[in-house]
Amino acid sequence: MTRVVTANDLRSGAAVYLSQGGVWVSDLDRASVATSPADHQQLEALAHAAVERNEVTAVYAFDVVIVDSKPAPTSVRERIRSAHAPTV
């Protein structure tokens, strides 16, 4: 299980990714990657705390593969979100 936690920034609505120290970043390459259930639980706890602080909304984790030492989404939806591309 290799996963990244994402959400939407509460102020801008932009896709953001949880990185080291509980900081939200817009660049998927800088996201923290969970490679174990314990890692995943830790990221989820940080993410839900950010929801409580009204920083982000719609928190969830998604699967990634590591390509050239960087996380790459496995789903089309997450590839589109990580590119910050409009879908209209």
PDB file of N, CA and C in Angstrom:
ATOM      1  N   MET A   1       0.843  -1.178   0.000  1.00  0.00           N
ATOM      2  CA  MET A   1       0.000   0.000   0.000  1.00  0.00           C
ATOM      3  C   MET A   1       0.889   1.243   0.000  1.00  0.00           C
ATOM      4  N   THR A   2       0.853   1.961  -1.069  1.00  0.00           N
ATOM      5  CA  THR A   2       1.574   3.224  -1.185  1.00  0.00           C
ATOM      6  C   THR A   2       0.534   4.290  -1.492  1.00  0.00           C
ATOM      7  N   ARG A   3       0.370   5.224  -0.555  1.00  0.00           N
ATOM      8  CA  ARG A   3      -0.723   6.183  -0.673  1.00  0.00           C
ATOM      9  C   ARG A   3      -0.273   7.588  -0.300  1.00  0.00           C
ATOM     10  N   VAL A   4      -1.034   8.553  -0.812  1.00  0.00           N
ATOM     11  CA  VAL A   4      -0.855   9.969  -0.509  1.00  0.00           C
ATOM     12  C   VAL A   4      -2.201  10.492  -0.028  1.00  0.00           C
ATOM     13  N   VAL A   5      -2.190  11.454   0.888  1.00  0.00           N
ATOM     14  CA  VAL A   5      -3.425  12.066   1.370  1.00  0.00           C
ATOM     15  C   VAL A   5      -3.621  13.405   0.662  1.00  0.00           C
ATOM     16  N   THR A   6      -4.833  13.592   0.162  1.00  0.00           N
ATOM     17  CA  THR A   6      -5.177  14.821  -0.547  1.00  0.00           C
ATOM     18  C   THR A   6      -6.410  15.443   0.073  1.00  0.00           C
ATOM     19  N   ALA A   7      -6.655  16.685  -0.293  1.00  0.00           N
ATOM     20  CA  ALA A   7      -7.833  17.419   0.168  1.00  0.00           C
ATOM     21  C   ALA A   7      -8.009  18.615  -0.758  1.00  0.00           C
ATOM     22  N   ASN A   8      -8.990  19.426  -0.441  1.00  0.00           N
ATOM     23  CA  ASN A   8      -9.159  20.700  -1.135  1.00  0.00           C
ATOM     24  C   ASN A   8      -8.917  21.808  -0.133  1.00  0.00           C
ATOM     25  N   ASP A   9      -8.121  22.787  -0.551  1.00  0.00           N
ATOM     26  CA  ASP A   9      -7.873  23.954   0.282  1.00  0.00           C
ATOM     27  C   ASP A   9      -9.210  24.651   0.524  1.00  0.00           C
ATOM     28  N   LEU A  10      -9.501  24.969   1.763  1.00  0.00           N
ATOM     29  CA  LEU A  10     -10.802  25.529   2.105  1.00  0.00           C
ATOM     30  C   LEU A  10     -11.004  26.922   1.521  1.00  0.00           C
ATOM     31  N   ARG A  11      -9.954  27.675   1.367  1.00  0.00           N
ATOM     32  CA  ARG A  11     -10.102  29.039   0.855  1.00  0.00           C
ATOM     33  C   ARG A  11     -10.158  29.095  -0.671  1.00  0.00           C
ATOM     34  N   SER A  12      -9.290  28.359  -1.349  1.00  0.00           N
ATOM     35  CA  SER A  12      -9.218  28.449  -2.823  1.00  0.00           C
ATOM     36  C   SER A  12      -9.936  27.312  -3.531  1.00  0.00           C
ATOM     37  N   GLY A  13     -10.128  26.196  -2.843  1.00  0.00           N
ATOM     38  CA  GLY A  13     -10.728  25.020  -3.477  1.00  0.00           C
ATOM     39  C   GLY A  13      -9.721  24.170  -4.233  1.00  0.00           C
ATOM     40  N   ALA A  14      -8.472  24.591  -4.283  1.00  0.00           N
ATOM     41  CA  ALA A  14      -7.441  23.876  -5.039  1.00  0.00           C
ATOM     42  C   ALA A  14      -7.097  22.539  -4.387  1.00  0.00           C
ATOM     43  N   ALA A  15      -6.699  21.582  -5.217  1.00  0.00           N
ATOM     44  CA  ALA A  15      -6.218  20.296  -4.718  1.00  0.00           C
ATOM     45  C   ALA A  15      -4.889  20.513  -4.002  1.00  0.00           C
ATOM     46  N   VAL A  16      -4.773  19.937  -2.812  1.00  0.00           N
ATOM     47  CA  VAL A  16      -3.540  20.032  -2.037  1.00  0.00           C
ATOM     48  C   VAL A  16      -3.188  18.652  -1.501  1.00  0.00           C
ATOM     49  N   TYR A  17      -1.929  18.494  -1.118  1.00  0.00           N
ATOM     50  CA  TYR A  17      -1.400  17.206  -0.664  1.00  0.00           C
ATOM     51  C   TYR A  17      -0.685  17.398   0.658  1.00  0.00           C
ATOM     52  N   LEU A  18      -0.847  16.430   1.532  1.00  0.00           N
ATOM     53  CA  LEU A  18      -0.227  16.509   2.851  1.00  0.00           C
ATOM     54  C   LEU A  18       1.252  16.158   2.748  1.00  0.00           C
ATOM     55  N   SER A  19       2.087  17.053   3.271  1.00  0.00           N
ATOM     56  CA  SER A  19       3.534  16.819   3.242  1.00  0.00           C
ATOM     57  C   SER A  19       4.059  16.734   4.668  1.00  0.00           C
ATOM     58  N   GLN A  20       5.354  16.678   4.795  1.00  0.00           N
ATOM     59  CA  GLN A  20       6.007  16.535   6.094  1.00  0.00           C
ATOM     60  C   GLN A  20       5.544  17.601   7.076  1.00  0.00           C
ATOM     61  N   GLY A  21       5.356  17.199   8.305  1.00  0.00           N
ATOM     62  CA  GLY A  21       4.974  18.130   9.352  1.00  0.00           C
ATOM     63  C   GLY A  21       3.531  18.596   9.283  1.00  0.00           C
ATOM     64  N   GLY A  22       2.710  17.961   8.464  1.00  0.00           N
ATOM     65  CA  GLY A  22       1.311  18.345   8.364  1.00  0.00           C
ATOM     66  C   GLY A  22       1.055  19.572   7.523  1.00  0.00           C
ATOM     67  N   VAL A  23       2.009  19.939   6.687  1.00  0.00           N
ATOM     68  CA  VAL A  23       1.876  21.106   5.812  1.00  0.00           C
ATOM     69  C   VAL A  23       1.208  20.672   4.507  1.00  0.00           C
ATOM     70  N   TRP A  24       0.257  21.477   4.033  1.00  0.00           N
ATOM     71  CA  TRP A  24      -0.427  21.199   2.766  1.00  0.00           C
ATOM     72  C   TRP A  24       0.304  21.899   1.632  1.00  0.00           C
ATOM     73  N   VAL A  25       0.589  21.153   0.561  1.00  0.00           N
ATOM     74  CA  VAL A  25       1.319  21.691  -0.591  1.00  0.00           C
ATOM     75  C   VAL A  25       0.519  21.425  -1.857  1.00  0.00           C
ATOM     76  N   SER A  26       0.741  22.239  -2.879  1.00  0.00           N
ATOM     77  CA  SER A  26       0.013  22.067  -4.140  1.00  0.00           C
ATOM     78  C   SER A  26       0.723  21.128  -5.103  1.00  0.00           C
ATOM     79  N   ASP A  27       1.973  20.804  -4.823  1.00  0.00           N
ATOM     80  CA  ASP A  27       2.783  19.973  -5.712  1.00  0.00           C
ATOM     81  C   ASP A  27       2.823  18.530  -5.204  1.00  0.00           C
ATOM     82  N   LEU A  28       2.263  17.608  -5.979  1.00  0.00           N
ATOM     83  CA  LEU A  28       2.230  16.198  -5.576  1.00  0.00           C
ATOM     84  C   LEU A  28       3.628  15.656  -5.294  1.00  0.00           C
ATOM     85  N   ASP A  29       4.634  16.135  -5.998  1.00  0.00           N
ATOM     86  CA  ASP A  29       6.004  15.663  -5.796  1.00  0.00           C
ATOM     87  C   ASP A  29       6.499  15.893  -4.368  1.00  0.00           C
ATOM     88  N   ARG A  30       5.908  16.838  -3.664  1.00  0.00           N
ATOM     89  CA  ARG A  30       6.342  17.169  -2.302  1.00  0.00           C
ATOM     90  C   ARG A  30       5.494  16.487  -1.232  1.00  0.00           C
ATOM     91  N   ALA A  31       4.530  15.666  -1.635  1.00  0.00           N
ATOM     92  CA  ALA A  31       3.629  15.004  -0.692  1.00  0.00           C
ATOM     93  C   ALA A  31       4.352  13.906   0.084  1.00  0.00           C
ATOM     94  N   SER A  32       3.905  13.690   1.303  1.00  0.00           N
ATOM     95  CA  SER A  32       4.383  12.553   2.088  1.00  0.00           C
ATOM     96  C   SER A  32       3.718  11.293   1.562  1.00  0.00           C
ATOM     97  N   VAL A  33       4.493  10.231   1.459  1.00  0.00           N
ATOM     98  CA  VAL A  33       3.976   8.961   0.946  1.00  0.00           C
ATOM     99  C   VAL A  33       3.913   7.955   2.084  1.00  0.00           C
ATOM    100  N   ALA A  34       2.738   7.371   2.262  1.00  0.00           N
ATOM    101  CA  ALA A  34       2.551   6.328   3.277  1.00  0.00           C
ATOM    102  C   ALA A  34       2.825   4.975   2.634  1.00  0.00           C
ATOM    103  N   THR A  35       3.733   4.232   3.225  1.00  0.00           N
ATOM    104  CA  THR A  35       4.069   2.909   2.681  1.00  0.00           C
ATOM    105  C   THR A  35       3.682   1.771   3.609  1.00  0.00           C
ATOM    106  N   SER A  36       3.066   2.132   4.740  1.00  0.00           N
ATOM    107  CA  SER A  36       2.613   1.114   5.695  1.00  0.00           C
ATOM    108  C   SER A  36       1.303   1.582   6.311  1.00  0.00           C
ATOM    109  N   PRO A  37       0.559   0.662   6.910  1.00  0.00           N
ATOM    110  CA  PRO A  37      -0.672   1.072   7.597  1.00  0.00           C
ATOM    111  C   PRO A  37      -0.407   2.117   8.691  1.00  0.00           C
ATOM    112  N   ALA A  38       0.685   1.995   9.394  1.00  0.00           N
ATOM    113  CA  ALA A  38       1.012   2.968  10.449  1.00  0.00           C
ATOM    114  C   ALA A  38       1.264   4.355   9.853  1.00  0.00           C
ATOM    115  N   ASP A  39       2.021   4.403   8.738  1.00  0.00           N
ATOM    116  CA  ASP A  39       2.253   5.686   8.054  1.00  0.00           C
ATOM    117  C   ASP A  39       0.925   6.298   7.628  1.00  0.00           C
ATOM    118  N   HIS A  40       0.060   5.472   7.060  1.00  0.00           N
ATOM    119  CA  HIS A  40      -1.230   5.944   6.573  1.00  0.00           C
ATOM    120  C   HIS A  40      -2.064   6.501   7.727  1.00  0.00           C
ATOM    121  N   GLN A  41      -2.104   5.816   8.841  1.00  0.00           N
ATOM    122  CA  GLN A  41      -2.867   6.291   9.995  1.00  0.00           C
ATOM    123  C   GLN A  41      -2.339   7.631  10.496  1.00  0.00           C
ATOM    124  N   GLN A  42      -1.030   7.780  10.504  1.00  0.00           N
ATOM    125  CA  GLN A  42      -0.433   9.038  10.954  1.00  0.00           C
ATOM    126  C   GLN A  42      -0.820  10.186  10.030  1.00  0.00           C
ATOM    127  N   LEU A  43      -0.755   9.971   8.713  1.00  0.00           N
ATOM    128  CA  LEU A  43      -1.147  11.014   7.770  1.00  0.00           C
ATOM    129  C   LEU A  43      -2.629  11.348   7.894  1.00  0.00           C
ATOM    130  N   GLU A  44      -3.462  10.330   8.032  1.00  0.00           N
ATOM    131  CA  GLU A  44      -4.903  10.557   8.185  1.00  0.00           C
ATOM    132  C   GLU A  44      -5.194  11.381   9.445  1.00  0.00           C
ATOM    133  N   ALA A  45      -4.493  11.108  10.530  1.00  0.00           N
ATOM    134  CA  ALA A  45      -4.697  11.867  11.771  1.00  0.00           C
ATOM    135  C   ALA A  45      -4.326  13.335  11.572  1.00  0.00           C
ATOM    136  N   LEU A  46      -3.199  13.588  10.900  1.00  0.00           N
ATOM    137  CA  LEU A  46      -2.805  14.971  10.607  1.00  0.00           C
ATOM    138  C   LEU A  46      -3.829  15.657   9.711  1.00  0.00           C
ATOM    139  N   ALA A  47      -4.331  14.931   8.735  1.00  0.00           N
ATOM    140  CA  ALA A  47      -5.300  15.495   7.795  1.00  0.00           C
ATOM    141  C   ALA A  47      -6.610  15.839   8.496  1.00  0.00           C
ATOM    142  N   HIS A  48      -7.088  14.948   9.325  1.00  0.00           N
ATOM    143  CA  HIS A  48      -8.356  15.216  10.011  1.00  0.00           C
ATOM    144  C   HIS A  48      -8.219  16.349  11.024  1.00  0.00           C
ATOM    145  N   ALA A  49      -7.049  16.515  11.600  1.00  0.00           N
ATOM    146  CA  ALA A  49      -6.811  17.664  12.478  1.00  0.00           C
ATOM    147  C   ALA A  49      -6.886  18.962  11.678  1.00  0.00           C
ATOM    148  N   ALA A  50      -6.400  18.939  10.436  1.00  0.00           N
ATOM    149  CA  ALA A  50      -6.466  20.119   9.563  1.00  0.00           C
ATOM    150  C   ALA A  50      -7.913  20.447   9.198  1.00  0.00           C
ATOM    151  N   VAL A  51      -8.742  19.416   9.042  1.00  0.00           N
ATOM    152  CA  VAL A  51     -10.171  19.642   8.795  1.00  0.00           C
ATOM    153  C   VAL A  51     -10.779  20.357  10.003  1.00  0.00           C
ATOM    154  N   GLU A  52     -10.444  19.895  11.185  1.00  0.00           N
ATOM    155  CA  GLU A  52     -10.961  20.513  12.414  1.00  0.00           C
ATOM    156  C   GLU A  52     -10.529  21.972  12.542  1.00  0.00           C
ATOM    157  N   ARG A  53      -9.362  22.308  12.000  1.00  0.00           N
ATOM    158  CA  ARG A  53      -8.860  23.699  12.044  1.00  0.00           C
ATOM    159  C   ARG A  53      -9.379  24.525  10.867  1.00  0.00           C
ATOM    160  N   ASN A  54     -10.257  23.942  10.055  1.00  0.00           N
ATOM    161  CA  ASN A  54     -10.835  24.622   8.889  1.00  0.00           C
ATOM    162  C   ASN A  54      -9.792  25.051   7.863  1.00  0.00           C
ATOM    163  N   GLU A  55      -8.778  24.208   7.648  1.00  0.00           N
ATOM    164  CA  GLU A  55      -7.758  24.470   6.631  1.00  0.00           C
ATOM    165  C   GLU A  55      -8.124  23.814   5.306  1.00  0.00           C
ATOM    166  N   VAL A  56      -8.689  22.599   5.387  1.00  0.00           N
ATOM    167  CA  VAL A  56      -9.005  21.823   4.182  1.00  0.00           C
ATOM    168  C   VAL A  56     -10.348  21.127   4.350  1.00  0.00           C
ATOM    169  N   THR A  57     -10.839  20.585   3.238  1.00  0.00           N
ATOM    170  CA  THR A  57     -12.060  19.805   3.246  1.00  0.00           C
ATOM    171  C   THR A  57     -11.897  18.629   2.286  1.00  0.00           C
ATOM    172  N   ALA A  58     -12.790  17.674   2.378  1.00  0.00           N
ATOM    173  CA  ALA A  58     -12.820  16.519   1.464  1.00  0.00           C
ATOM    174  C   ALA A  58     -11.508  15.731   1.477  1.00  0.00           C
ATOM    175  N   VAL A  59     -11.048  15.370   2.652  1.00  0.00           N
ATOM    176  CA  VAL A  59      -9.792  14.628   2.822  1.00  0.00           C
ATOM    177  C   VAL A  59      -9.987  13.164   2.433  1.00  0.00           C
ATOM    178  N   TYR A  60      -9.039  12.632   1.671  1.00  0.00           N
ATOM    179  CA  TYR A  60      -9.011  11.192   1.394  1.00  0.00           C
ATOM    180  C   TYR A  60      -7.618  10.804   0.913  1.00  0.00           C
ATOM    181  N   ALA A  61      -7.344   9.508   0.961  1.00  0.00           N
ATOM    182  CA  ALA A  61      -6.063   8.973   0.494  1.00  0.00           C
ATOM    183  C   ALA A  61      -6.275   8.294  -0.853  1.00  0.00           C
ATOM    184  N   PHE A  62      -5.241   8.302  -1.675  1.00  0.00           N
ATOM    185  CA  PHE A  62      -5.310   7.608  -2.954  1.00  0.00           C
ATOM    186  C   PHE A  62      -4.000   6.884  -3.221  1.00  0.00           C
ATOM    187  N   ASP A  63      -4.089   5.863  -4.072  1.00  0.00           N
ATOM    188  CA  ASP A  63      -2.927   5.040  -4.389  1.00  0.00           C
ATOM    189  C   ASP A  63      -1.987   5.752  -5.358  1.00  0.00           C
ATOM    190  N   VAL A  64      -0.707   5.556  -5.119  1.00  0.00           N
ATOM    191  CA  VAL A  64       0.330   6.073  -6.006  1.00  0.00           C
ATOM    192  C   VAL A  64       1.367   4.985  -6.252  1.00  0.00           C
ATOM    193  N   VAL A  65       2.124   5.172  -7.307  1.00  0.00           N
ATOM    194  CA  VAL A  65       3.322   4.379  -7.547  1.00  0.00           C
ATOM    195  C   VAL A  65       4.489   5.365  -7.516  1.00  0.00           C
ATOM    196  N   ILE A  66       5.658   4.869  -7.226  1.00  0.00           N
ATOM    197  CA  ILE A  66       6.835   5.733  -7.190  1.00  0.00           C
ATOM    198  C   ILE A  66       7.553   5.618  -8.537  1.00  0.00           C
ATOM    199  N   VAL A  67       7.698   6.764  -9.200  1.00  0.00           N
ATOM    200  CA  VAL A  67       8.371   6.845 -10.492  1.00  0.00           C
ATOM    201  C   VAL A  67       9.457   7.908 -10.376  1.00  0.00           C
ATOM    202  N   ASP A  68      10.687   7.530 -10.632  1.00  0.00           N
ATOM    203  CA  ASP A  68      11.816   8.457 -10.497  1.00  0.00           C
ATOM    204  C   ASP A  68      11.825   9.131  -9.120  1.00  0.00           C
ATOM    205  N   SER A  69      11.573   8.356  -8.087  1.00  0.00           N
ATOM    206  CA  SER A  69      11.583   8.802  -6.688  1.00  0.00           C
ATOM    207  C   SER A  69      10.457   9.770  -6.342  1.00  0.00           C
ATOM    208  N   LYS A  70       9.410   9.840  -7.181  1.00  0.00           N
ATOM    209  CA  LYS A  70       8.293  10.748  -6.931  1.00  0.00           C
ATOM    210  C   LYS A  70       6.977   9.985  -7.016  1.00  0.00           C
ATOM    211  N   PRO A  71       5.976  10.397  -6.228  1.00  0.00           N
ATOM    212  CA  PRO A  71       4.683   9.725  -6.301  1.00  0.00           C
ATOM    213  C   PRO A  71       3.950  10.071  -7.596  1.00  0.00           C
ATOM    214  N   ALA A  72       3.350   9.060  -8.209  1.00  0.00           N
ATOM    215  CA  ALA A  72       2.554   9.251  -9.424  1.00  0.00           C
ATOM    216  C   ALA A  72       1.204   8.574  -9.211  1.00  0.00           C
ATOM    217  N   PRO A  73       0.108   9.293  -9.449  1.00  0.00           N
ATOM    218  CA  PRO A  73      -1.221   8.711  -9.237  1.00  0.00           C
ATOM    219  C   PRO A  73      -1.472   7.512 -10.142  1.00  0.00           C
ATOM    220  N   THR A  74      -2.247   6.562  -9.629  1.00  0.00           N
ATOM    221  CA  THR A  74      -2.607   5.400 -10.435  1.00  0.00           C
ATOM    222  C   THR A  74      -3.949   5.604 -11.141  1.00  0.00           C
ATOM    223  N   SER A  75      -4.727   6.588 -10.721  1.00  0.00           N
ATOM    224  CA  SER A  75      -6.040   6.810 -11.340  1.00  0.00           C
ATOM    225  C   SER A  75      -6.032   8.049 -12.232  1.00  0.00           C
ATOM    226  N   VAL A  76      -6.892   8.025 -13.225  1.00  0.00           N
ATOM    227  CA  VAL A  76      -7.035   9.170 -14.126  1.00  0.00           C
ATOM    228  C   VAL A  76      -7.487  10.399 -13.343  1.00  0.00           C
ATOM    229  N   ARG A  77      -8.428  10.215 -12.436  1.00  0.00           N
ATOM    230  CA  ARG A  77      -8.944  11.336 -11.640  1.00  0.00           C
ATOM    231  C   ARG A  77      -7.813  12.058 -10.925  1.00  0.00           C
ATOM    232  N   GLU A  78      -6.944  11.307 -10.280  1.00  0.00           N
ATOM    233  CA  GLU A  78      -5.863  11.933  -9.519  1.00  0.00           C
ATOM    234  C   GLU A  78      -4.783  12.513 -10.417  1.00  0.00           C
ATOM    235  N   ARG A  79      -4.577  11.948 -11.595  1.00  0.00           N
ATOM    236  CA  ARG A  79      -3.639  12.561 -12.546  1.00  0.00           C
ATOM    237  C   ARG A  79      -4.144  13.932 -12.970  1.00  0.00           C
ATOM    238  N   ILE A  80      -5.453  14.038 -13.220  1.00  0.00           N
ATOM    239  CA  ILE A  80      -6.043  15.327 -13.598  1.00  0.00           C
ATOM    240  C   ILE A  80      -5.924  16.322 -12.445  1.00  0.00           C
ATOM    241  N   ARG A  81      -6.278  15.890 -11.236  1.00  0.00           N
ATOM    242  CA  ARG A  81      -6.195  16.791 -10.076  1.00  0.00           C
ATOM    243  C   ARG A  81      -4.762  17.260  -9.830  1.00  0.00           C
ATOM    244  N   SER A  82      -3.794  16.336  -9.958  1.00  0.00           N
ATOM    245  CA  SER A  82      -2.405  16.717  -9.681  1.00  0.00           C
ATOM    246  C   SER A  82      -1.842  17.673 -10.730  1.00  0.00           C
ATOM    247  N   ALA A  83      -2.425  17.653 -11.927  1.00  0.00           N
ATOM    248  CA  ALA A  83      -2.002  18.576 -12.981  1.00  0.00           C
ATOM    249  C   ALA A  83      -2.704  19.928 -12.840  1.00  0.00           C
ATOM    250  N   HIS A  84      -3.653  20.026 -11.913  1.00  0.00           N
ATOM    251  CA  HIS A  84      -4.441  21.242 -11.690  1.00  0.00           C
ATOM    252  C   HIS A  84      -5.108  21.679 -12.987  1.00  0.00           C
ATOM    253  N   ALA A  85      -5.549  20.681 -13.765  1.00  0.00           N
ATOM    254  CA  ALA A  85      -6.168  20.952 -15.059  1.00  0.00           C
ATOM    255  C   ALA A  85      -7.685  21.063 -14.918  1.00  0.00           C
ATOM    256  N   PRO A  86      -8.289  22.057 -15.579  1.00  0.00           N
ATOM    257  CA  PRO A  86      -9.747  22.146 -15.546  1.00  0.00           C
ATOM    258  C   PRO A  86     -10.350  21.001 -16.369  1.00  0.00           C
ATOM    259  N   THR A  87     -11.533  20.581 -15.977  1.00  0.00           N
ATOM    260  CA  THR A  87     -12.182  19.482 -16.677  1.00  0.00           C
ATOM    261  C   THR A  87     -13.487  19.891 -17.350  1.00  0.00           C
ATOM    262  N   VAL A  88     -13.602  21.168 -17.650  1.00  0.00           N
ATOM    263  CA  VAL A  88     -14.819  21.639 -18.322  1.00  0.00           C
ATOM    264  C   VAL A  88     -14.612  21.724 -19.816  1.00  0.00           C
TER     265      VAL A  88
END
